[in-house]
PDB file of N, CA and C in Angstrom:
ATOM      1  N   MET A   1      22.722  -5.003  -7.263  1.00  0.00           N
ATOM      2  CA  MET A   1      21.728  -4.902  -7.238  1.00  0.00           C
ATOM      3  C   MET A   1      21.181  -3.301  -6.239  1.00  0.00           C
ATOM      4  N   PHE A   2      20.971  -2.190  -7.328  1.00  0.00           N
ATOM      5  CA  PHE A   2      20.796  -1.172  -6.383  1.00  0.00           C
ATOM      6  C   PHE A   2      19.277  -0.456  -5.806  1.00  0.00           C
ATOM      7  N   VAL A   3      18.845  -0.485  -4.822  1.00  0.00           N
ATOM      8  CA  VAL A   3      17.578  -0.102  -4.656  1.00  0.00           C
ATOM      9  C   VAL A   3      17.030   0.974  -3.854  1.00  0.00           C
ATOM     10  N   ALA A   4      15.864   1.994  -4.223  1.00  0.00           N
ATOM     11  CA  ALA A   4      15.978   2.923  -3.665  1.00  0.00           C
ATOM     12  C   ALA A   4      14.740   2.731  -2.594  1.00  0.00           C
ATOM     13  N   ASN A   5      15.293   3.101  -1.339  1.00  0.00           N
ATOM     14  CA  ASN A   5      14.414   3.088  -0.178  1.00  0.00           C
ATOM     15  C   ASN A   5      13.568   4.629   0.212  1.00  0.00           C
ATOM     16  N   GLN A   6      12.835   5.160  -0.323  1.00  0.00           N
ATOM     17  CA  GLN A   6      11.878   6.188   0.314  1.00  0.00           C
ATOM     18  C   GLN A   6      11.652   6.948   1.260  1.00  0.00           C
ATOM     19  N   GLY A   7      11.168   5.882   2.399  1.00  0.00           N
ATOM     20  CA  GLY A   7      11.329   5.879   3.733  1.00  0.00           C
ATOM     21  C   GLY A   7      12.745   6.014   4.609  1.00  0.00           C
ATOM     22  N   ASN A   8      13.799   5.888   3.870  1.00  0.00           N
ATOM     23  CA  ASN A   8      15.061   5.880   4.707  1.00  0.00           C
ATOM     24  C   ASN A   8      15.949   6.799   3.816  1.00  0.00           C
ATOM     25  N   ASN A   9      15.286   7.417   2.907  1.00  0.00           N
ATOM     26  CA  ASN A   9      16.307   8.217   2.229  1.00  0.00           C
ATOM     27  C   ASN A   9      17.725   7.519   2.278  1.00  0.00           C
ATOM     28  N   SER A  10      17.998   6.567   1.396  1.00  0.00           N
ATOM     29  CA  SER A  10      18.801   5.617   0.860  1.00  0.00           C
ATOM     30  C   SER A  10      18.865   4.874  -0.019  1.00  0.00           C
ATOM     31  N   VAL A  11      20.057   4.346  -0.669  1.00  0.00           N
ATOM     32  CA  VAL A  11      20.024   3.480  -1.790  1.00  0.00           C
ATOM     33  C   VAL A  11      20.810   2.172  -1.545  1.00  0.00           C
ATOM     34  N   ALA A  12      20.002   1.446  -1.223  1.00  0.00           N
ATOM     35  CA  ALA A  12      21.009  -0.233  -0.613  1.00  0.00           C
ATOM     36  C   ALA A  12      21.649  -0.675  -1.475  1.00  0.00           C
ATOM     37  N   VAL A  13      22.182  -1.185  -1.498  1.00  0.00           N
ATOM     38  CA  VAL A  13      23.165  -2.160  -2.611  1.00  0.00           C
ATOM     39  C   VAL A  13      23.351  -3.762  -1.915  1.00  0.00           C
ATOM     40  N   PHE A  14      22.588  -4.428  -3.146  1.00  0.00           N
ATOM     41  CA  PHE A  14      22.783  -6.013  -2.429  1.00  0.00           C
ATOM     42  C   PHE A  14      23.560  -6.554  -3.829  1.00  0.00           C
ATOM     43  N   ALA A  15      23.884  -7.881  -3.700  1.00  0.00           N
ATOM     44  CA  ALA A  15      24.625  -8.704  -4.436  1.00  0.00           C
ATOM     45  C   ALA A  15      23.882  -9.735  -5.047  1.00  0.00           C
ATOM     46  N   ILE A  16      23.891 -10.183  -5.957  1.00  0.00           N
ATOM     47  CA  ILE A  16      22.952 -11.395  -6.581  1.00  0.00           C
ATOM     48  C   ILE A  16      23.982 -12.541  -7.001  1.00  0.00           C
ATOM     49  N   ASP A  17      23.483 -13.718  -6.288  1.00  0.00           N
ATOM     50  CA  ASP A  17      24.172 -14.823  -6.803  1.00  0.00           C
ATOM     51  C   ASP A  17      23.848 -15.505  -8.171  1.00  0.00           C
ATOM     52  N   PRO A  18      24.412 -15.469  -9.231  1.00  0.00           N
ATOM     53  CA  PRO A  18      24.178 -15.773 -10.472  1.00  0.00           C
ATOM     54  C   PRO A  18      23.667 -16.945 -10.675  1.00  0.00           C
ATOM     55  N   GLY A  19      23.599 -18.004  -9.592  1.00  0.00           N
ATOM     56  CA  GLY A  19      23.424 -19.345  -9.858  1.00  0.00           C
ATOM     57  C   GLY A  19      22.094 -19.219  -9.582  1.00  0.00           C
ATOM     58  N   ALA A  20      21.732 -18.982  -8.267  1.00  0.00           N
ATOM     59  CA  ALA A  20      20.739 -19.135  -7.379  1.00  0.00           C
ATOM     60  C   ALA A  20      19.730 -17.903  -7.774  1.00  0.00           C
ATOM     61  N   GLY A  21      20.524 -16.654  -8.104  1.00  0.00           N
ATOM     62  CA  GLY A  21      19.355 -15.730  -7.984  1.00  0.00           C
ATOM     63  C   GLY A  21      19.091 -15.424  -6.753  1.00  0.00           C
ATOM     64  N   ARG A  22      19.551 -15.394  -5.713  1.00  0.00           N
ATOM     65  CA  ARG A  22      19.498 -14.943  -4.456  1.00  0.00           C
ATOM     66  C   ARG A  22      20.069 -13.682  -4.305  1.00  0.00           C
ATOM     67  N   LEU A  23      19.531 -12.693  -3.590  1.00  0.00           N
ATOM     68  CA  LEU A  23      19.850 -11.537  -3.047  1.00  0.00           C
ATOM     69  C   LEU A  23      20.355 -11.254  -1.652  1.00  0.00           C
ATOM     70  N   THR A  24      21.658 -10.839  -1.384  1.00  0.00           N
ATOM     71  CA  THR A  24      22.273 -10.943  -0.247  1.00  0.00           C
ATOM     72  C   THR A  24      22.589  -9.650  -0.019  1.00  0.00           C
ATOM     73  N   ASP A  25      21.722  -8.926   1.191  1.00  0.00           N
ATOM     74  CA  ASP A  25      22.640  -7.145   1.386  1.00  0.00           C
ATOM     75  C   ASP A  25      24.041  -7.495   1.765  1.00  0.00           C
ATOM     76  N   THR A  26      24.643  -6.488   1.212  1.00  0.00           N
ATOM     77  CA  THR A  26      25.881  -5.915   1.541  1.00  0.00           C
ATOM     78  C   THR A  26      26.255  -5.303   2.657  1.00  0.00           C
ATOM     79  N   GLY A  27      25.416  -4.749   3.174  1.00  0.00           N
ATOM     80  CA  GLY A  27      25.388  -3.748   4.280  1.00  0.00           C
ATOM     81  C   GLY A  27      26.044  -2.208   3.766  1.00  0.00           C
ATOM     82  N   LYS A  28      25.595  -2.160   2.678  1.00  0.00           N
ATOM     83  CA  LYS A  28      26.290  -1.103   1.979  1.00  0.00           C
ATOM     84  C   LYS A  28      25.357  -0.419   2.110  1.00  0.00           C
ATOM     85  N   SER A  29      24.680   1.279   1.665  1.00  0.00           N
ATOM     86  CA  SER A  29      23.967   1.941   1.233  1.00  0.00           C
ATOM     87  C   SER A  29      24.617   3.452   1.439  1.00  0.00           C
ATOM     88  N   ILE A  30      23.943   4.201   0.411  1.00  0.00           N
ATOM     89  CA  ILE A  30      24.602   5.533  -0.103  1.00  0.00           C
ATOM     90  C   ILE A  30      22.924   6.557   0.156  1.00  0.00           C
ATOM     91  N   ALA A  31      23.265   7.609   1.097  1.00  0.00           N
ATOM     92  CA  ALA A  31      22.628   8.356   1.508  1.00  0.00           C
ATOM     93  C   ALA A  31      22.252   9.417   0.095  1.00  0.00           C
ATOM     94  N   VAL A  32      21.142   8.816   0.037  1.00  0.00           N
ATOM     95  CA  VAL A  32      20.250  10.113  -1.287  1.00  0.00           C
ATOM     96  C   VAL A  32      18.947  10.783  -0.936  1.00  0.00           C
ATOM     97  N   PRO A  33      18.374  12.073  -0.966  1.00  0.00           N
ATOM     98  CA  PRO A  33      17.175  12.560  -0.267  1.00  0.00           C
ATOM     99  C   PRO A  33      15.980  12.207  -1.448  1.00  0.00           C
ATOM    100  N   ILE A  34      15.259  11.516  -0.594  1.00  0.00           N
ATOM    101  CA  ILE A  34      13.850  11.307  -1.877  1.00  0.00           C
ATOM    102  C   ILE A  34      14.369  10.581  -2.829  1.00  0.00           C
ATOM    103  N   PRO A  35      14.706   9.464  -2.919  1.00  0.00           N
ATOM    104  CA  PRO A  35      15.160   8.362  -4.085  1.00  0.00           C
ATOM    105  C   PRO A  35      13.949   8.202  -4.224  1.00  0.00           C
ATOM    106  N   ASP A  36      13.845   7.847  -5.818  1.00  0.00           N
ATOM    107  CA  ASP A  36      12.581   7.696  -6.347  1.00  0.00           C
ATOM    108  C   ASP A  36      12.779   7.073  -7.626  1.00  0.00           C
ATOM    109  N   GLY A  37      13.918   6.957  -7.650  1.00  0.00           N
ATOM    110  CA  GLY A  37      13.947   5.833  -9.379  1.00  0.00           C
ATOM    111  C   GLY A  37      15.742   6.121  -9.383  1.00  0.00           C
ATOM    112  N   ILE A  38      15.954   5.033  -9.931  1.00  0.00           N
ATOM    113  CA  ILE A  38      17.560   4.666 -10.014  1.00  0.00           C
ATOM    114  C   ILE A  38      17.866   4.709 -11.946  1.00  0.00           C
ATOM    115  N   THR A  39      18.440   5.210 -12.617  1.00  0.00           N
ATOM    116  CA  THR A  39      19.004   5.108 -13.877  1.00  0.00           C
ATOM    117  C   THR A  39      20.268   5.175 -14.013  1.00  0.00           C
ATOM    118  N   LEU A  40      20.523   4.428 -14.560  1.00  0.00           N
ATOM    119  CA  LEU A  40      22.391   3.903 -14.651  1.00  0.00           C
ATOM    120  C   LEU A  40      22.879   4.504 -15.779  1.00  0.00           C
ATOM    121  N   TYR A  41      23.990   4.884 -16.009  1.00  0.00           N
ATOM    122  CA  TYR A  41      24.669   5.391 -17.186  1.00  0.00           C
ATOM    123  C   TYR A  41      25.483   5.123 -17.546  1.00  0.00           C
ATOM    124  N   TYR A  42      26.072   4.580 -18.732  1.00  0.00           N
ATOM    125  CA  TYR A  42      26.812   3.647 -18.806  1.00  0.00           C
ATOM    126  C   TYR A  42      28.049   4.638 -20.126  1.00  0.00           C
ATOM    127  N   ARG A  43      29.113   4.831 -20.227  1.00  0.00           N
ATOM    128  CA  ARG A  43      30.129   5.773 -20.849  1.00  0.00           C
ATOM    129  C   ARG A  43      30.549   4.959 -22.239  1.00  0.00           C
TER     130      ARG A  43
END
């Protein structure tokens, strides 16, 4: 799951446990200036 964080200018990456639905922080993030939304593009 990707979560936009405007206050930190980043997009955080979380893993989803399919059985329990719990989120786990992967410790990964992507620097993005002023993220305000996320659009996924499939080819």
